[in-house]
Amino acid sequence: MDAELRALPDSARVYILGNEQVFGFPKRFVYSSVHDDTPLVIWANESSSADQLLEKLKSEKLTHILINAPESVRLKNYKLYEWTPAGRRVFIDFANHHLHLALTKPIARYDNSLFLFEIQDTLAAREPIGNFGEFFRDVMNFKQP
């Protein structure tokens, strides 16, 4: 996905989920290591609505979210996704209404591994990914406790 990331505008800032391999990342980015709390989860847990989370991400000048699905699953014991029930609802609502699926790429034997989403104020139509919470349920620990 390097070429596609390099093609993003210079103003792009990518939030990386489930990946610590950031050396040489071609755009400005935000991420947390497995030993840190995940800022995106903290922001969702502190937000009362999808729109409030959108405003927080905009204030951080984030334009994209990159999810490495296999690595998120592999690192699940590190508790990257410690959602509160309200934070989980806020993030899924945010994803369903503000994340446009821009690109997917394979890693090794997994056809759909890297997911690049563009953060948008509103989506023109339903994304082909369907319900974000169901699609990423195991990847991002969206299962109800």
N, C-alpha and C. Protein backbone atom coordinates (compact mmCIF):
# COMPACT_ATOMS: atom_id res chain seq x y z
N MET A 1 0.83 -1.20 0.00
CA MET A 1 0.00 0.00 0.00
C MET A 1 0.87 1.25 0.00
N ASP A 2 2.17 1.09 -0.04
CA ASP A 2 3.07 2.23 0.04
C ASP A 2 2.81 3.25 -1.07
N ALA A 3 2.69 2.79 -2.31
CA ALA A 3 2.47 3.72 -3.42
C ALA A 3 1.16 4.49 -3.25
N GLU A 4 0.12 3.81 -2.81
CA GLU A 4 -1.18 4.46 -2.62
C GLU A 4 -1.13 5.48 -1.49
N LEU A 5 -0.40 5.15 -0.43
CA LEU A 5 -0.26 6.11 0.67
C LEU A 5 0.55 7.32 0.23
N ARG A 6 1.59 7.10 -0.54
CA ARG A 6 2.39 8.22 -1.05
C ARG A 6 1.55 9.14 -1.96
N ALA A 7 0.56 8.57 -2.62
CA ALA A 7 -0.29 9.35 -3.53
C ALA A 7 -1.32 10.21 -2.80
N LEU A 8 -1.50 9.98 -1.50
CA LEU A 8 -2.43 10.81 -0.74
C LEU A 8 -1.91 12.25 -0.71
N PRO A 9 -2.80 13.21 -0.54
CA PRO A 9 -2.35 14.61 -0.48
C PRO A 9 -1.35 14.83 0.66
N ASP A 10 -0.51 15.84 0.53
CA ASP A 10 0.46 16.15 1.57
C ASP A 10 -0.22 16.47 2.90
N SER A 11 -1.46 16.91 2.84
CA SER A 11 -2.19 17.25 4.06
C SER A 11 -2.72 16.02 4.80
N ALA A 12 -2.59 14.84 4.22
CA ALA A 12 -3.13 13.62 4.84
C ALA A 12 -2.40 13.31 6.15
N ARG A 13 -3.18 12.83 7.10
CA ARG A 13 -2.64 12.36 8.38
C ARG A 13 -3.41 11.09 8.72
N VAL A 14 -2.71 9.99 8.87
CA VAL A 14 -3.31 8.67 8.98
C VAL A 14 -3.23 8.16 10.42
N TYR A 15 -4.36 7.69 10.93
CA TYR A 15 -4.37 7.01 12.24
C TYR A 15 -4.20 5.53 11.93
N ILE A 16 -3.18 4.89 12.50
CA ILE A 16 -2.86 3.50 12.22
C ILE A 16 -3.34 2.63 13.39
N LEU A 17 -4.17 1.63 13.08
CA LEU A 17 -4.67 0.70 14.09
C LEU A 17 -4.12 -0.70 13.84
N GLY A 18 -3.57 -1.31 14.88
CA GLY A 18 -3.14 -2.70 14.78
C GLY A 18 -1.84 -2.90 14.05
N ASN A 19 -0.99 -1.90 14.05
CA ASN A 19 0.28 -2.06 13.35
C ASN A 19 1.33 -1.20 14.02
N GLU A 20 2.45 -1.79 14.38
CA GLU A 20 3.55 -1.01 14.95
C GLU A 20 4.68 -0.80 13.96
N GLN A 21 4.55 -1.31 12.77
CA GLN A 21 5.60 -1.19 11.76
C GLN A 21 5.43 0.13 11.02
N VAL A 22 5.88 1.20 11.63
CA VAL A 22 5.65 2.52 11.08
C VAL A 22 6.90 3.17 10.52
N PHE A 23 8.05 2.53 10.67
CA PHE A 23 9.28 3.11 10.14
C PHE A 23 9.14 3.34 8.64
N GLY A 24 9.43 4.54 8.22
CA GLY A 24 9.34 4.87 6.81
C GLY A 24 7.93 5.09 6.29
N PHE A 25 6.96 5.20 7.19
CA PHE A 25 5.58 5.44 6.75
C PHE A 25 5.57 6.73 5.95
N PRO A 26 4.96 6.74 4.77
CA PRO A 26 5.12 7.85 3.84
C PRO A 26 4.31 9.12 4.13
N LYS A 27 3.45 9.11 5.11
CA LYS A 27 2.64 10.29 5.44
C LYS A 27 2.70 10.53 6.95
N ARG A 28 2.23 11.71 7.35
CA ARG A 28 2.13 11.98 8.78
C ARG A 28 1.16 10.97 9.37
N PHE A 29 1.38 10.55 10.62
CA PHE A 29 0.55 9.50 11.19
C PHE A 29 0.47 9.62 12.70
N VAL A 30 -0.50 8.91 13.26
CA VAL A 30 -0.67 8.73 14.70
C VAL A 30 -0.87 7.24 14.92
N TYR A 31 -0.25 6.70 15.94
CA TYR A 31 -0.46 5.31 16.30
C TYR A 31 -0.08 5.14 17.75
N SER A 32 -0.41 4.02 18.33
CA SER A 32 0.04 3.70 19.68
C SER A 32 0.64 2.31 19.67
N SER A 33 1.61 2.11 20.53
CA SER A 33 2.22 0.79 20.62
C SER A 33 1.30 -0.12 21.43
N VAL A 34 1.62 -1.40 21.45
CA VAL A 34 0.78 -2.35 22.20
C VAL A 34 0.87 -2.10 23.70
N HIS A 35 1.84 -1.33 24.13
CA HIS A 35 2.01 -1.06 25.55
C HIS A 35 1.36 0.25 25.98
N ASP A 36 0.71 0.93 25.06
CA ASP A 36 0.02 2.19 25.35
C ASP A 36 -1.48 2.00 25.21
N ASP A 37 -2.23 2.88 25.83
CA ASP A 37 -3.66 2.92 25.57
C ASP A 37 -3.86 3.43 24.14
N THR A 38 -4.93 3.00 23.51
CA THR A 38 -5.21 3.38 22.13
C THR A 38 -5.98 4.70 22.12
N PRO A 39 -5.37 5.80 21.64
CA PRO A 39 -6.06 7.09 21.66
C PRO A 39 -7.43 7.07 21.00
N LEU A 40 -7.57 6.40 19.87
CA LEU A 40 -8.86 6.37 19.19
C LEU A 40 -9.94 5.76 20.09
N VAL A 41 -9.59 4.74 20.83
CA VAL A 41 -10.55 4.12 21.75
C VAL A 41 -10.87 5.09 22.89
N ILE A 42 -9.85 5.74 23.42
CA ILE A 42 -10.07 6.72 24.49
C ILE A 42 -11.00 7.83 24.00
N TRP A 43 -10.75 8.34 22.80
CA TRP A 43 -11.58 9.42 22.26
C TRP A 43 -13.01 8.96 22.06
N ALA A 44 -13.20 7.74 21.57
CA ALA A 44 -14.56 7.22 21.39
C ALA A 44 -15.24 7.05 22.74
N ASN A 45 -14.52 6.51 23.71
CA ASN A 45 -15.09 6.31 25.04
C ASN A 45 -15.48 7.63 25.71
N GLU A 46 -14.78 8.70 25.38
CA GLU A 46 -15.06 10.02 25.96
C GLU A 46 -16.12 10.79 25.18
N SER A 47 -16.46 10.33 23.99
CA SER A 47 -17.42 11.04 23.14
C SER A 47 -18.84 10.58 23.44
N SER A 48 -19.77 11.51 23.30
CA SER A 48 -21.18 11.17 23.53
C SER A 48 -21.91 10.85 22.23
N SER A 49 -21.24 11.11 21.08
CA SER A 49 -21.90 10.85 19.80
C SER A 49 -20.85 10.67 18.71
N ALA A 50 -21.29 10.12 17.59
CA ALA A 50 -20.41 9.97 16.44
C ALA A 50 -19.91 11.32 15.94
N ASP A 51 -20.78 12.32 15.97
CA ASP A 51 -20.38 13.65 15.51
C ASP A 51 -19.34 14.27 16.43
N GLN A 52 -19.44 14.02 17.73
CA GLN A 52 -18.44 14.54 18.66
C GLN A 52 -17.09 13.85 18.40
N LEU A 53 -17.10 12.56 18.13
CA LEU A 53 -15.86 11.86 17.79
C LEU A 53 -15.30 12.39 16.48
N LEU A 54 -16.15 12.64 15.50
CA LEU A 54 -15.70 13.22 14.23
C LEU A 54 -14.98 14.55 14.48
N GLU A 55 -15.56 15.39 15.31
CA GLU A 55 -14.95 16.69 15.62
C GLU A 55 -13.60 16.52 16.30
N LYS A 56 -13.48 15.53 17.19
CA LYS A 56 -12.20 15.27 17.85
C LYS A 56 -11.15 14.85 16.82
N LEU A 57 -11.51 13.94 15.91
CA LEU A 57 -10.55 13.50 14.90
C LEU A 57 -10.16 14.64 13.98
N LYS A 58 -11.12 15.50 13.65
CA LYS A 58 -10.80 16.67 12.83
C LYS A 58 -9.87 17.63 13.57
N SER A 59 -10.08 17.78 14.88
CA SER A 59 -9.21 18.66 15.66
C SER A 59 -7.78 18.12 15.72
N GLU A 60 -7.64 16.80 15.60
CA GLU A 60 -6.32 16.16 15.55
C GLU A 60 -5.76 16.14 14.12
N LYS A 61 -6.53 16.72 13.18
CA LYS A 61 -6.15 16.81 11.76
C LYS A 61 -5.98 15.45 11.10
N LEU A 62 -6.76 14.47 11.56
CA LEU A 62 -6.72 13.13 10.98
C LEU A 62 -7.63 13.09 9.76
N THR A 63 -7.15 12.46 8.69
CA THR A 63 -7.91 12.37 7.45
C THR A 63 -8.25 10.93 7.07
N HIS A 64 -7.49 9.96 7.61
CA HIS A 64 -7.65 8.56 7.25
C HIS A 64 -7.43 7.66 8.47
N ILE A 65 -8.00 6.47 8.41
CA ILE A 65 -7.74 5.43 9.40
C ILE A 65 -7.31 4.19 8.64
N LEU A 66 -6.17 3.63 9.02
CA LEU A 66 -5.64 2.43 8.41
C LEU A 66 -5.72 1.29 9.42
N ILE A 67 -6.43 0.22 9.07
CA ILE A 67 -6.59 -0.93 9.96
C ILE A 67 -5.85 -2.12 9.37
N ASN A 68 -4.92 -2.67 10.15
CA ASN A 68 -4.25 -3.90 9.78
C ASN A 68 -5.00 -5.02 10.51
N ALA A 69 -5.91 -5.68 9.82
CA ALA A 69 -6.80 -6.65 10.45
C ALA A 69 -6.06 -7.86 11.03
N PRO A 70 -5.20 -8.55 10.28
CA PRO A 70 -4.54 -9.72 10.86
C PRO A 70 -3.67 -9.37 12.07
N GLU A 71 -3.02 -8.24 12.03
CA GLU A 71 -2.17 -7.85 13.15
C GLU A 71 -3.02 -7.47 14.37
N SER A 72 -4.16 -6.84 14.15
CA SER A 72 -5.07 -6.54 15.26
C SER A 72 -5.52 -7.82 15.96
N VAL A 73 -5.86 -8.82 15.17
CA VAL A 73 -6.28 -10.09 15.75
C VAL A 73 -5.13 -10.75 16.48
N ARG A 74 -3.95 -10.74 15.89
CA ARG A 74 -2.78 -11.36 16.52
C ARG A 74 -2.43 -10.69 17.85
N LEU A 75 -2.65 -9.40 17.94
CA LEU A 75 -2.29 -8.64 19.14
C LEU A 75 -3.43 -8.50 20.14
N LYS A 76 -4.51 -9.27 19.98
CA LYS A 76 -5.70 -9.07 20.81
C LYS A 76 -5.42 -9.22 22.30
N ASN A 77 -4.44 -10.00 22.70
CA ASN A 77 -4.13 -10.14 24.13
C ASN A 77 -3.50 -8.88 24.73
N TYR A 78 -3.11 -7.94 23.89
CA TYR A 78 -2.57 -6.68 24.39
C TYR A 78 -3.66 -5.67 24.71
N LYS A 79 -4.90 -6.04 24.46
CA LYS A 79 -6.06 -5.20 24.79
C LYS A 79 -5.98 -3.82 24.14
N LEU A 80 -5.81 -3.84 22.82
CA LEU A 80 -5.77 -2.58 22.06
C LEU A 80 -7.12 -1.88 22.04
N TYR A 81 -8.18 -2.67 22.16
CA TYR A 81 -9.53 -2.13 21.97
C TYR A 81 -10.35 -2.34 23.24
N GLU A 82 -10.14 -1.48 24.21
CA GLU A 82 -10.84 -1.55 25.49
C GLU A 82 -12.00 -0.56 25.48
N TRP A 83 -13.03 -0.89 24.71
CA TRP A 83 -14.19 -0.02 24.57
C TRP A 83 -15.07 -0.09 25.82
N THR A 84 -15.65 1.05 26.17
CA THR A 84 -16.78 1.03 27.08
C THR A 84 -17.99 0.68 26.22
N PRO A 85 -19.11 0.23 26.81
CA PRO A 85 -20.29 -0.02 25.96
C PRO A 85 -20.70 1.21 25.15
N ALA A 86 -20.67 2.39 25.78
CA ALA A 86 -21.04 3.61 25.06
C ALA A 86 -20.00 3.96 23.99
N GLY A 87 -18.72 3.80 24.31
CA GLY A 87 -17.66 4.09 23.35
C GLY A 87 -17.73 3.19 22.13
N ARG A 88 -18.06 1.92 22.35
CA ARG A 88 -18.22 0.97 21.24
C ARG A 88 -19.34 1.44 20.32
N ARG A 89 -20.48 1.83 20.90
CA ARG A 89 -21.61 2.31 20.09
C ARG A 89 -21.23 3.57 19.32
N VAL A 90 -20.55 4.49 20.00
CA VAL A 90 -20.14 5.74 19.35
C VAL A 90 -19.22 5.46 18.18
N PHE A 91 -18.22 4.59 18.38
CA PHE A 91 -17.28 4.34 17.30
C PHE A 91 -17.94 3.63 16.12
N ILE A 92 -18.76 2.65 16.38
CA ILE A 92 -19.42 1.95 15.28
C ILE A 92 -20.35 2.89 14.52
N ASP A 93 -21.07 3.74 15.24
CA ASP A 93 -21.93 4.73 14.59
C ASP A 93 -21.08 5.69 13.76
N PHE A 94 -19.97 6.14 14.33
CA PHE A 94 -19.04 7.01 13.59
C PHE A 94 -18.56 6.31 12.32
N ALA A 95 -18.12 5.07 12.44
CA ALA A 95 -17.59 4.33 11.29
C ALA A 95 -18.65 4.15 10.22
N ASN A 96 -19.87 3.82 10.62
CA ASN A 96 -20.95 3.60 9.65
C ASN A 96 -21.36 4.88 8.94
N HIS A 97 -21.10 6.04 9.56
CA HIS A 97 -21.56 7.30 8.96
C HIS A 97 -20.44 8.20 8.44
N HIS A 98 -19.19 7.91 8.83
CA HIS A 98 -18.12 8.85 8.46
C HIS A 98 -16.88 8.21 7.85
N LEU A 99 -16.83 6.89 7.74
CA LEU A 99 -15.64 6.26 7.16
C LEU A 99 -15.96 5.71 5.77
N HIS A 100 -15.28 6.26 4.79
CA HIS A 100 -15.40 5.82 3.40
C HIS A 100 -14.27 4.83 3.12
N LEU A 101 -14.61 3.62 2.71
CA LEU A 101 -13.60 2.63 2.38
C LEU A 101 -12.90 3.05 1.10
N ALA A 102 -11.64 3.46 1.23
CA ALA A 102 -10.89 3.97 0.09
C ALA A 102 -10.08 2.87 -0.60
N LEU A 103 -9.60 1.88 0.17
CA LEU A 103 -8.70 0.89 -0.42
C LEU A 103 -8.55 -0.31 0.51
N THR A 104 -8.44 -1.49 -0.06
CA THR A 104 -8.05 -2.68 0.69
C THR A 104 -6.87 -3.31 -0.03
N LYS A 105 -6.02 -3.95 0.75
CA LYS A 105 -4.85 -4.63 0.20
C LYS A 105 -4.63 -5.94 0.92
N PRO A 106 -4.08 -6.92 0.22
CA PRO A 106 -3.77 -8.20 0.87
C PRO A 106 -2.44 -8.16 1.62
N ILE A 107 -2.32 -9.04 2.59
CA ILE A 107 -1.04 -9.32 3.24
C ILE A 107 -0.92 -10.84 3.26
N ALA A 108 0.19 -11.33 2.73
CA ALA A 108 0.45 -12.77 2.70
C ALA A 108 -0.76 -13.51 2.13
N ARG A 109 -1.34 -14.42 2.90
CA ARG A 109 -2.45 -15.24 2.38
C ARG A 109 -3.82 -14.65 2.65
N TYR A 110 -3.89 -13.48 3.24
CA TYR A 110 -5.17 -12.84 3.56
C TYR A 110 -5.51 -11.81 2.48
N ASP A 111 -6.59 -12.07 1.77
CA ASP A 111 -6.98 -11.16 0.67
C ASP A 111 -7.30 -9.75 1.15
N ASN A 112 -8.08 -9.65 2.21
CA ASN A 112 -8.46 -8.35 2.75
C ASN A 112 -7.80 -8.19 4.11
N SER A 113 -6.69 -7.48 4.13
CA SER A 113 -5.91 -7.34 5.36
C SER A 113 -5.74 -5.89 5.79
N LEU A 114 -5.35 -5.06 4.85
CA LEU A 114 -5.18 -3.64 5.14
C LEU A 114 -6.39 -2.89 4.62
N PHE A 115 -6.99 -2.10 5.48
CA PHE A 115 -8.17 -1.32 5.12
C PHE A 115 -7.85 0.15 5.34
N LEU A 116 -7.91 0.94 4.30
CA LEU A 116 -7.70 2.37 4.41
C LEU A 116 -9.05 3.06 4.26
N PHE A 117 -9.44 3.78 5.29
CA PHE A 117 -10.69 4.53 5.30
C PHE A 117 -10.39 6.02 5.28
N GLU A 118 -11.16 6.74 4.50
CA GLU A 118 -11.08 8.20 4.52
C GLU A 118 -12.17 8.72 5.44
N ILE A 119 -11.81 9.63 6.32
CA ILE A 119 -12.78 10.24 7.23
C ILE A 119 -13.52 11.33 6.46
N GLN A 120 -14.85 11.23 6.43
CA GLN A 120 -15.67 12.19 5.71
C GLN A 120 -16.75 12.75 6.63
N ASP A 121 -17.17 13.98 6.34
CA ASP A 121 -18.25 14.58 7.13
C ASP A 121 -19.53 13.77 7.00
N THR A 122 -19.87 13.39 5.77
CA THR A 122 -21.04 12.54 5.52
C THR A 122 -20.73 11.62 4.36
N LEU A 123 -21.35 10.47 4.34
CA LEU A 123 -21.17 9.53 3.24
C LEU A 123 -22.34 9.66 2.28
N ALA A 124 -22.05 9.65 1.00
CA ALA A 124 -23.09 9.81 -0.01
C ALA A 124 -24.00 8.59 -0.07
N ALA A 125 -23.43 7.41 0.11
CA ALA A 125 -24.21 6.17 0.03
C ALA A 125 -23.61 5.14 0.97
N ARG A 126 -24.35 4.11 1.22
CA ARG A 126 -23.90 3.02 2.09
C ARG A 126 -22.64 2.39 1.51
N GLU A 127 -21.66 2.18 2.32
CA GLU A 127 -20.41 1.57 1.88
C GLU A 127 -20.60 0.08 1.63
N PRO A 128 -19.84 -0.50 0.71
CA PRO A 128 -19.98 -1.92 0.41
C PRO A 128 -19.55 -2.82 1.57
N ILE A 129 -18.87 -2.28 2.56
CA ILE A 129 -18.43 -3.10 3.68
C ILE A 129 -19.61 -3.47 4.58
N GLY A 130 -20.73 -2.79 4.42
CA GLY A 130 -21.91 -3.10 5.23
C GLY A 130 -21.80 -2.51 6.62
N ASN A 131 -22.22 -3.26 7.61
CA ASN A 131 -22.17 -2.79 8.99
C ASN A 131 -20.75 -2.93 9.52
N PHE A 132 -20.13 -1.82 9.81
CA PHE A 132 -18.74 -1.80 10.27
C PHE A 132 -18.55 -2.65 11.52
N GLY A 133 -19.47 -2.53 12.47
CA GLY A 133 -19.36 -3.27 13.72
C GLY A 133 -19.38 -4.78 13.54
N GLU A 134 -20.20 -5.25 12.63
CA GLU A 134 -20.26 -6.69 12.36
C GLU A 134 -19.03 -7.15 11.58
N PHE A 135 -18.63 -6.38 10.59
CA PHE A 135 -17.50 -6.76 9.75
C PHE A 135 -16.21 -6.86 10.57
N PHE A 136 -15.98 -5.89 11.46
CA PHE A 136 -14.75 -5.84 12.25
C PHE A 136 -14.95 -6.32 13.69
N ARG A 137 -16.01 -7.07 13.94
CA ARG A 137 -16.36 -7.50 15.30
C ARG A 137 -15.19 -8.15 16.03
N ASP A 138 -14.56 -9.14 15.42
CA ASP A 138 -13.46 -9.84 16.08
C ASP A 138 -12.14 -9.07 15.96
N VAL A 139 -11.97 -8.33 14.89
CA VAL A 139 -10.73 -7.59 14.68
C VAL A 139 -10.55 -6.49 15.72
N MET A 140 -11.66 -5.78 16.02
CA MET A 140 -11.57 -4.63 16.92
C MET A 140 -12.29 -4.85 18.24
N ASN A 141 -12.55 -6.09 18.57
CA ASN A 141 -13.15 -6.44 19.86
C ASN A 141 -14.50 -5.74 20.09
N PHE A 142 -15.37 -5.81 19.11
CA PHE A 142 -16.68 -5.19 19.24
C PHE A 142 -17.71 -6.11 19.88
N LYS A 143 -17.31 -7.31 20.28
CA LYS A 143 -18.26 -8.24 20.90
C LYS A 143 -18.77 -7.66 22.21
N GLN A 144 -20.04 -7.83 22.44
CA GLN A 144 -20.64 -7.36 23.69
C GLN A 144 -20.12 -8.22 24.84
N PRO A 145 -19.77 -7.59 25.99
CA PRO A 145 -19.29 -8.39 27.13
C PRO A 145 -20.38 -9.25 27.73
